[in-house]
PDB file of N, CA and C in Angstrom:
ATOM      1  N   MET A   1      15.554 -32.787   3.445  1.00  0.00           N
ATOM      2  CA  MET A   1      15.081 -31.556   4.045  1.00  0.00           C
ATOM      3  C   MET A   1      13.571 -31.597   4.162  1.00  0.00           C
ATOM      4  N   SER A   2      13.094 -31.173   5.265  1.00  0.00           N
ATOM      5  CA  SER A   2      11.645 -31.109   5.442  1.00  0.00           C
ATOM      6  C   SER A   2      11.185 -29.672   5.257  1.00  0.00           C
ATOM      7  N   SER A   3      10.052 -29.514   4.614  1.00  0.00           N
ATOM      8  CA  SER A   3       9.518 -28.167   4.415  1.00  0.00           C
ATOM      9  C   SER A   3       8.704 -27.776   5.634  1.00  0.00           C
ATOM     10  N   SER A   4       8.875 -26.538   6.055  1.00  0.00           N
ATOM     11  CA  SER A   4       8.140 -26.075   7.225  1.00  0.00           C
ATOM     12  C   SER A   4       6.782 -25.545   6.783  1.00  0.00           C
ATOM     13  N   VAL A   5       5.747 -26.080   7.368  1.00  0.00           N
ATOM     14  CA  VAL A   5       4.380 -25.678   7.060  1.00  0.00           C
ATOM     15  C   VAL A   5       3.770 -25.135   8.337  1.00  0.00           C
ATOM     16  N   ASP A   6       3.122 -23.987   8.216  1.00  0.00           N
ATOM     17  CA  ASP A   6       2.476 -23.410   9.386  1.00  0.00           C
ATOM     18  C   ASP A   6       1.318 -24.292   9.828  1.00  0.00           C
ATOM     19  N   PRO A   7       1.159 -24.466  11.133  1.00  0.00           N
ATOM     20  CA  PRO A   7       0.019 -25.254  11.622  1.00  0.00           C
ATOM     21  C   PRO A   7      -1.279 -24.501  11.354  1.00  0.00           C
ATOM     22  N   PRO A   8      -2.380 -25.209  11.229  1.00  0.00           N
ATOM     23  CA  PRO A   8      -3.651 -24.520  10.994  1.00  0.00           C
ATOM     24  C   PRO A   8      -4.013 -23.621  12.179  1.00  0.00           C
ATOM     25  N   PRO A   9      -4.628 -22.477  11.901  1.00  0.00           N
ATOM     26  CA  PRO A   9      -4.966 -21.555  12.996  1.00  0.00           C
ATOM     27  C   PRO A   9      -6.059 -22.130  13.889  1.00  0.00           C
ATOM     28  N   THR A  10      -5.971 -21.801  15.164  1.00  0.00           N
ATOM     29  CA  THR A  10      -6.979 -22.275  16.106  1.00  0.00           C
ATOM     30  C   THR A  10      -8.108 -21.271  16.276  1.00  0.00           C
ATOM     31  N   ASP A  11      -7.856 -20.019  15.927  1.00  0.00           N
ATOM     32  CA  ASP A  11      -8.865 -18.979  16.052  1.00  0.00           C
ATOM     33  C   ASP A  11      -9.852 -19.063  14.882  1.00  0.00           C
ATOM     34  N   LEU A  12     -11.142 -18.966  15.166  1.00  0.00           N
ATOM     35  CA  LEU A  12     -12.171 -19.062  14.124  1.00  0.00           C
ATOM     36  C   LEU A  12     -12.062 -17.945  13.098  1.00  0.00           C
ATOM     37  N   PHE A  13     -11.845 -16.719  13.574  1.00  0.00           N
ATOM     38  CA  PHE A  13     -11.763 -15.594  12.653  1.00  0.00           C
ATOM     39  C   PHE A  13     -10.562 -15.717  11.725  1.00  0.00           C
ATOM     40  N   VAL A  14      -9.412 -16.100  12.274  1.00  0.00           N
ATOM     41  CA  VAL A  14      -8.198 -16.228  11.470  1.00  0.00           C
ATOM     42  C   VAL A  14      -8.366 -17.323  10.416  1.00  0.00           C
ATOM     43  N   SER A  15      -8.948 -18.440  10.792  1.00  0.00           N
ATOM     44  CA  SER A  15      -9.135 -19.514   9.813  1.00  0.00           C
ATOM     45  C   SER A  15     -10.121 -19.102   8.714  1.00  0.00           C
ATOM     46  N   TRP A  16     -11.188 -18.374   9.073  1.00  0.00           N
ATOM     47  CA  TRP A  16     -12.133 -17.895   8.058  1.00  0.00           C
ATOM     48  C   TRP A  16     -11.442 -16.913   7.118  1.00  0.00           C
ATOM     49  N   PHE A  17     -10.643 -15.999   7.695  1.00  0.00           N
ATOM     50  CA  PHE A  17      -9.946 -14.993   6.879  1.00  0.00           C
ATOM     51  C   PHE A  17      -8.967 -15.656   5.910  1.00  0.00           C
ATOM     52  N   GLU A  18      -8.231 -16.657   6.367  1.00  0.00           N
ATOM     53  CA  GLU A  18      -7.271 -17.341   5.495  1.00  0.00           C
ATOM     54  C   GLU A  18      -7.963 -18.108   4.380  1.00  0.00           C
ATOM     55  N   ARG A  19      -9.150 -18.611   4.635  1.00  0.00           N
ATOM     56  CA  ARG A  19      -9.885 -19.318   3.577  1.00  0.00           C
ATOM     57  C   ARG A  19     -10.412 -18.362   2.521  1.00  0.00           C
ATOM     58  N   HIS A  20     -10.799 -17.151   2.919  1.00  0.00           N
ATOM     59  CA  HIS A  20     -11.473 -16.236   1.992  1.00  0.00           C
ATOM     60  C   HIS A  20     -10.571 -15.146   1.414  1.00  0.00           C
ATOM     61  N   ALA A  21      -9.354 -15.012   1.891  1.00  0.00           N
ATOM     62  CA  ALA A  21      -8.441 -13.981   1.381  1.00  0.00           C
ATOM     63  C   ALA A  21      -7.530 -14.590   0.325  1.00  0.00           C
ATOM     64  N   SER A  22      -7.132 -13.763  -0.610  1.00  0.00           N
ATOM     65  CA  SER A  22      -6.178 -14.230  -1.609  1.00  0.00           C
ATOM     66  C   SER A  22      -5.122 -13.161  -1.835  1.00  0.00           C
ATOM     67  N   GLU A  23      -4.010 -13.566  -2.433  1.00  0.00           N
ATOM     68  CA  GLU A  23      -2.933 -12.615  -2.714  1.00  0.00           C
ATOM     69  C   GLU A  23      -3.376 -11.604  -3.762  1.00  0.00           C
ATOM     70  N   ARG A  24      -4.253 -12.019  -4.659  1.00  0.00           N
ATOM     71  CA  ARG A  24      -4.752 -11.099  -5.678  1.00  0.00           C
ATOM     72  C   ARG A  24      -5.538  -9.966  -5.037  1.00  0.00           C
ATOM     73  N   ASP A  25      -6.328 -10.286  -4.016  1.00  0.00           N
ATOM     74  CA  ASP A  25      -7.075  -9.250  -3.304  1.00  0.00           C
ATOM     75  C   ASP A  25      -6.128  -8.284  -2.594  1.00  0.00           C
ATOM     76  N   ALA A  26      -5.065  -8.802  -2.001  1.00  0.00           N
ATOM     77  CA  ALA A  26      -4.106  -7.954  -1.297  1.00  0.00           C
ATOM     78  C   ALA A  26      -3.383  -7.034  -2.278  1.00  0.00           C
ATOM     79  N   LEU A  27      -3.013  -7.542  -3.435  1.00  0.00           N
ATOM     80  CA  LEU A  27      -2.336  -6.715  -4.430  1.00  0.00           C
ATOM     81  C   LEU A  27      -3.277  -5.644  -4.960  1.00  0.00           C
ATOM     82  N   ALA A  28      -4.539  -5.995  -5.194  1.00  0.00           N
ATOM     83  CA  ALA A  28      -5.516  -5.006  -5.671  1.00  0.00           C
ATOM     84  C   ALA A  28      -5.730  -3.911  -4.631  1.00  0.00           C
ATOM     85  N   ALA A  29      -5.789  -4.278  -3.370  1.00  0.00           N
ATOM     86  CA  ALA A  29      -5.954  -3.286  -2.307  1.00  0.00           C
ATOM     87  C   ALA A  29      -4.740  -2.372  -2.219  1.00  0.00           C
ATOM     88  N   ALA A  30      -3.542  -2.927  -2.401  1.00  0.00           N
ATOM     89  CA  ALA A  30      -2.330  -2.112  -2.349  1.00  0.00           C
ATOM     90  C   ALA A  30      -2.268  -1.135  -3.525  1.00  0.00           C
ATOM     91  N   ILE A  31      -2.658  -1.586  -4.714  1.00  0.00           N
ATOM     92  CA  ILE A  31      -2.668  -0.700  -5.882  1.00  0.00           C
ATOM     93  C   ILE A  31      -3.719   0.380  -5.718  1.00  0.00           C
ATOM     94  N   LEU A  32      -4.880   0.024  -5.208  1.00  0.00           N
ATOM     95  CA  LEU A  32      -5.918   1.019  -4.951  1.00  0.00           C
ATOM     96  C   LEU A  32      -5.423   2.061  -3.938  1.00  0.00           C
ATOM     97  N   GLY A  33      -4.721   1.607  -2.915  1.00  0.00           N
ATOM     98  CA  GLY A  33      -4.159   2.531  -1.939  1.00  0.00           C
ATOM     99  C   GLY A  33      -3.145   3.479  -2.553  1.00  0.00           C
ATOM    100  N   LEU A  34      -2.354   2.967  -3.494  1.00  0.00           N
ATOM    101  CA  LEU A  34      -1.392   3.823  -4.196  1.00  0.00           C
ATOM    102  C   LEU A  34      -2.093   4.925  -4.972  1.00  0.00           C
ATOM    103  N   PHE A  35      -3.131   4.570  -5.715  1.00  0.00           N
ATOM    104  CA  PHE A  35      -3.864   5.571  -6.485  1.00  0.00           C
ATOM    105  C   PHE A  35      -4.587   6.565  -5.579  1.00  0.00           C
ATOM    106  N   LEU A  36      -5.148   6.093  -4.475  1.00  0.00           N
ATOM    107  CA  LEU A  36      -5.805   7.002  -3.542  1.00  0.00           C
ATOM    108  C   LEU A  36      -4.809   7.971  -2.908  1.00  0.00           C
ATOM    109  N   ALA A  37      -3.609   7.480  -2.581  1.00  0.00           N
ATOM    110  CA  ALA A  37      -2.579   8.357  -2.011  1.00  0.00           C
ATOM    111  C   ALA A  37      -2.175   9.434  -3.019  1.00  0.00           C
ATOM    112  N   ALA A  38      -2.023   9.048  -4.274  1.00  0.00           N
ATOM    113  CA  ALA A  38      -1.663  10.029  -5.302  1.00  0.00           C
ATOM    114  C   ALA A  38      -2.797  11.036  -5.502  1.00  0.00           C
ATOM    115  N   PHE A  39      -4.030  10.550  -5.536  1.00  0.00           N
ATOM    116  CA  PHE A  39      -5.181  11.431  -5.754  1.00  0.00           C
ATOM    117  C   PHE A  39      -5.310  12.451  -4.621  1.00  0.00           C
ATOM    118  N   PHE A  40      -5.258  11.975  -3.380  1.00  0.00           N
ATOM    119  CA  PHE A  40      -5.416  12.893  -2.256  1.00  0.00           C
ATOM    120  C   PHE A  40      -4.202  13.812  -2.101  1.00  0.00           C
ATOM    121  N   GLY A  41      -3.029  13.344  -2.500  1.00  0.00           N
ATOM    122  CA  GLY A  41      -1.864  14.215  -2.484  1.00  0.00           C
ATOM    123  C   GLY A  41      -2.010  15.362  -3.462  1.00  0.00           C
ATOM    124  N   LEU A  42      -2.470  15.050  -4.668  1.00  0.00           N
ATOM    125  CA  LEU A  42      -2.677  16.114  -5.654  1.00  0.00           C
ATOM    126  C   LEU A  42      -3.844  17.020  -5.251  1.00  0.00           C
ATOM    127  N   LEU A  43      -4.883  16.444  -4.668  1.00  0.00           N
ATOM    128  CA  LEU A  43      -6.007  17.238  -4.197  1.00  0.00           C
ATOM    129  C   LEU A  43      -5.572  18.204  -3.099  1.00  0.00           C
ATOM    130  N   SER A  44      -4.698  17.744  -2.231  1.00  0.00           N
ATOM    131  CA  SER A  44      -4.203  18.636  -1.180  1.00  0.00           C
ATOM    132  C   SER A  44      -3.359  19.763  -1.765  1.00  0.00           C
ATOM    133  N   LEU A  45      -2.680  19.491  -2.877  1.00  0.00           N
ATOM    134  CA  LEU A  45      -1.941  20.558  -3.546  1.00  0.00           C
ATOM    135  C   LEU A  45      -2.883  21.644  -4.047  1.00  0.00           C
ATOM    136  N   VAL A  46      -3.981  21.221  -4.647  1.00  0.00           N
ATOM    137  CA  VAL A  46      -4.927  22.177  -5.221  1.00  0.00           C
ATOM    138  C   VAL A  46      -5.618  22.973  -4.122  1.00  0.00           C
ATOM    139  N   ILE A  47      -6.082  22.292  -3.092  1.00  0.00           N
ATOM    140  CA  ILE A  47      -6.847  22.951  -2.035  1.00  0.00           C
ATOM    141  C   ILE A  47      -5.949  23.798  -1.135  1.00  0.00           C
ATOM    142  N   GLY A  48      -4.803  23.269  -0.759  1.00  0.00           N
ATOM    143  CA  GLY A  48      -3.986  23.946   0.240  1.00  0.00           C
ATOM    144  C   GLY A  48      -2.875  24.806  -0.302  1.00  0.00           C
ATOM    145  N   ASN A  49      -2.875  25.068  -1.603  1.00  0.00           N
ATOM    146  CA  ASN A  49      -1.779  25.868  -2.160  1.00  0.00           C
ATOM    147  C   ASN A  49      -1.953  27.330  -1.777  1.00  0.00           C
ATOM    148  N   SER A  50      -1.123  27.755  -0.879  1.00  0.00           N
ATOM    149  CA  SER A  50      -1.144  29.137  -0.427  1.00  0.00           C
ATOM    150  C   SER A  50       0.236  29.737  -0.675  1.00  0.00           C
ATOM    151  N   PRO A  51       0.307  30.948  -1.217  1.00  0.00           N
ATOM    152  CA  PRO A  51       1.615  31.522  -1.526  1.00  0.00           C
ATOM    153  C   PRO A  51       2.489  31.755  -0.300  1.00  0.00           C
ATOM    154  N   THR A  52       1.903  31.835   0.887  1.00  0.00           N
ATOM    155  CA  THR A  52       2.710  32.099   2.081  1.00  0.00           C
ATOM    156  C   THR A  52       3.266  30.831   2.705  1.00  0.00           C
ATOM    157  N   CYS A  53       2.726  29.654   2.357  1.00  0.00           N
ATOM    158  CA  CYS A  53       3.170  28.408   2.996  1.00  0.00           C
ATOM    159  C   CYS A  53       4.371  27.802   2.275  1.00  0.00           C
ATOM    160  N   TYR A  54       4.150  27.261   1.095  1.00  0.00           N
ATOM    161  CA  TYR A  54       5.183  26.579   0.332  1.00  0.00           C
ATOM    162  C   TYR A  54       5.127  27.047  -1.113  1.00  0.00           C
ATOM    163  N   SER A  55       6.246  26.918  -1.787  1.00  0.00           N
ATOM    164  CA  SER A  55       6.223  27.179  -3.218  1.00  0.00           C
ATOM    165  C   SER A  55       5.655  25.941  -3.917  1.00  0.00           C
ATOM    166  N   MET A  56       5.244  26.097  -5.150  1.00  0.00           N
ATOM    167  CA  MET A  56       4.688  24.970  -5.903  1.00  0.00           C
ATOM    168  C   MET A  56       5.747  23.878  -6.087  1.00  0.00           C
ATOM    169  N   THR A  57       7.001  24.261  -6.206  1.00  0.00           N
ATOM    170  CA  THR A  57       8.086  23.287  -6.346  1.00  0.00           C
ATOM    171  C   THR A  57       8.212  22.437  -5.088  1.00  0.00           C
ATOM    172  N   ASP A  58       8.126  23.076  -3.916  1.00  0.00           N
ATOM    173  CA  ASP A  58       8.193  22.320  -2.659  1.00  0.00           C
ATOM    174  C   ASP A  58       7.027  21.353  -2.535  1.00  0.00           C
ATOM    175  N   LEU A  59       5.827  21.808  -2.896  1.00  0.00           N
ATOM    176  CA  LEU A  59       4.658  20.945  -2.805  1.00  0.00           C
ATOM    177  C   LEU A  59       4.759  19.776  -3.769  1.00  0.00           C
ATOM    178  N   LEU A  60       5.289  20.019  -4.956  1.00  0.00           N
ATOM    179  CA  LEU A  60       5.462  18.941  -5.927  1.00  0.00           C
ATOM    180  C   LEU A  60       6.478  17.920  -5.427  1.00  0.00           C
ATOM    181  N   GLU A  61       7.547  18.391  -4.796  1.00  0.00           N
ATOM    182  CA  GLU A  61       8.553  17.482  -4.251  1.00  0.00           C
ATOM    183  C   GLU A  61       7.963  16.628  -3.124  1.00  0.00           C
ATOM    184  N   ILE A  62       7.159  17.228  -2.265  1.00  0.00           N
ATOM    185  CA  ILE A  62       6.515  16.482  -1.177  1.00  0.00           C
ATOM    186  C   ILE A  62       5.568  15.425  -1.751  1.00  0.00           C
ATOM    187  N   SER A  63       4.810  15.788  -2.771  1.00  0.00           N
ATOM    188  CA  SER A  63       3.893  14.831  -3.388  1.00  0.00           C
ATOM    189  C   SER A  63       4.647  13.685  -4.035  1.00  0.00           C
ATOM    190  N   CYS A  64       5.747  13.977  -4.698  1.00  0.00           N
ATOM    191  CA  CYS A  64       6.540  12.917  -5.328  1.00  0.00           C
ATOM    192  C   CYS A  64       7.110  11.957  -4.290  1.00  0.00           C
ATOM    193  N   ARG A  65       7.558  12.497  -3.159  1.00  0.00           N
ATOM    194  CA  ARG A  65       8.064  11.628  -2.086  1.00  0.00           C
ATOM    195  C   ARG A  65       6.960  10.730  -1.547  1.00  0.00           C
ATOM    196  N   THR A  66       5.745  11.281  -1.405  1.00  0.00           N
ATOM    197  CA  THR A  66       4.626  10.497  -0.900  1.00  0.00           C
ATOM    198  C   THR A  66       4.268   9.378  -1.870  1.00  0.00           C
ATOM    199  N   ILE A  67       4.245   9.691  -3.153  1.00  0.00           N
ATOM    200  CA  ILE A  67       3.903   8.687  -4.168  1.00  0.00           C
ATOM    201  C   ILE A  67       4.976   7.608  -4.216  1.00  0.00           C
ATOM    202  N   ARG A  68       6.257   7.999  -4.123  1.00  0.00           N
ATOM    203  CA  ARG A  68       7.329   6.996  -4.119  1.00  0.00           C
ATOM    204  C   ARG A  68       7.216   6.077  -2.908  1.00  0.00           C
ATOM    205  N   ALA A  69       6.895   6.645  -1.753  1.00  0.00           N
ATOM    206  CA  ALA A  69       6.753   5.826  -0.543  1.00  0.00           C
ATOM    207  C   ALA A  69       5.603   4.844  -0.693  1.00  0.00           C
ATOM    208  N   ALA A  70       4.482   5.307  -1.269  1.00  0.00           N
ATOM    209  CA  ALA A  70       3.344   4.411  -1.479  1.00  0.00           C
ATOM    210  C   ALA A  70       3.698   3.317  -2.475  1.00  0.00           C
ATOM    211  N   ALA A  71       4.460   3.653  -3.505  1.00  0.00           N
ATOM    212  CA  ALA A  71       4.869   2.647  -4.493  1.00  0.00           C
ATOM    213  C   ALA A  71       5.772   1.599  -3.854  1.00  0.00           C
ATOM    214  N   LEU A  72       6.643   2.023  -2.936  1.00  0.00           N
ATOM    215  CA  LEU A  72       7.500   1.056  -2.251  1.00  0.00           C
ATOM    216  C   LEU A  72       6.685   0.108  -1.380  1.00  0.00           C
ATOM    217  N   VAL A  73       5.633   0.612  -0.763  1.00  0.00           N
ATOM    218  CA  VAL A  73       4.763  -0.246   0.047  1.00  0.00           C
ATOM    219  C   VAL A  73       4.094  -1.288  -0.836  1.00  0.00           C
ATOM    220  N   VAL A  74       3.608  -0.869  -2.010  1.00  0.00           N
ATOM    221  CA  VAL A  74       2.973  -1.812  -2.938  1.00  0.00           C
ATOM    222  C   VAL A  74       3.989  -2.841  -3.400  1.00  0.00           C
ATOM    223  N   TRP A  75       5.193  -2.400  -3.738  1.00  0.00           N
ATOM    224  CA  TRP A  75       6.224  -3.323  -4.215  1.00  0.00           C
ATOM    225  C   TRP A  75       6.587  -4.330  -3.129  1.00  0.00           C
ATOM    226  N   ASP A  76       6.745  -3.865  -1.886  1.00  0.00           N
ATOM    227  CA  ASP A  76       7.082  -4.772  -0.787  1.00  0.00           C
ATOM    228  C   ASP A  76       5.982  -5.795  -0.553  1.00  0.00           C
ATOM    229  N   SER A  77       4.722  -5.367  -0.628  1.00  0.00           N
ATOM    230  CA  SER A  77       3.629  -6.324  -0.419  1.00  0.00           C
ATOM    231  C   SER A  77       3.574  -7.331  -1.559  1.00  0.00           C
ATOM    232  N   HIS A  78       3.928  -6.890  -2.764  1.00  0.00           N
ATOM    233  CA  HIS A  78       3.949  -7.809  -3.906  1.00  0.00           C
ATOM    234  C   HIS A  78       5.074  -8.838  -3.727  1.00  0.00           C
ATOM    235  N   LEU A  79       6.254  -8.388  -3.275  1.00  0.00           N
ATOM    236  CA  LEU A  79       7.357  -9.312  -3.041  1.00  0.00           C
ATOM    237  C   LEU A  79       7.009 -10.300  -1.938  1.00  0.00           C
ATOM    238  N   ASP A  80       6.365  -9.829  -0.877  1.00  0.00           N
ATOM    239  CA  ASP A  80       5.956 -10.732   0.205  1.00  0.00           C
ATOM    240  C   ASP A  80       4.985 -11.774  -0.306  1.00  0.00           C
ATOM    241  N   ALA A  81       4.064 -11.360  -1.180  1.00  0.00           N
ATOM    242  CA  ALA A  81       3.085 -12.300  -1.724  1.00  0.00           C
ATOM    243  C   ALA A  81       3.767 -13.324  -2.610  1.00  0.00           C
ATOM    244  N   CYS A  82       4.758 -12.896  -3.384  1.00  0.00           N
ATOM    245  CA  CYS A  82       5.481 -13.822  -4.267  1.00  0.00           C
ATOM    246  C   CYS A  82       6.323 -14.806  -3.472  1.00  0.00           C
ATOM    247  N   GLN A  83       6.917 -14.358  -2.377  1.00  0.00           N
ATOM    248  CA  GLN A  83       7.728 -15.232  -1.578  1.00  0.00           C
ATOM    249  C   GLN A  83       6.889 -16.228  -0.798  1.00  0.00           C
ATOM    250  N   GLY A  84       5.637 -15.904  -0.566  1.00  0.00           N
ATOM    251  CA  GLY A  84       4.758 -16.802   0.175  1.00  0.00           C
ATOM    252  C   GLY A  84       4.249 -17.968  -0.647  1.00  0.00           C
ATOM    253  N   GLN A  85       4.472 -17.932  -1.960  1.00  0.00           N
ATOM    254  CA  GLN A  85       3.952 -19.015  -2.834  1.00  0.00           C
ATOM    255  C   GLN A  85       4.782 -20.244  -2.718  1.00  0.00           C
TER     256      GLN A  85
END
């Protein structure tokens, strides 16, 4: 069996990016994005909590769904990085 190896990129920018990027950087960016999503979600709860719009329970449920979705994105990017090794 022969292993399939991607040919080197012909574009200058793509080749520079592949030389300077690492999976560790991608995972750190994904984790940072998760924390930022949680922070801004909770901040929106504090700022936008109005008794006429949603109950606190509804807002908490929306925030939990957002955090779960962000966690799934981080997990998927981590799995992609592991499979690329």
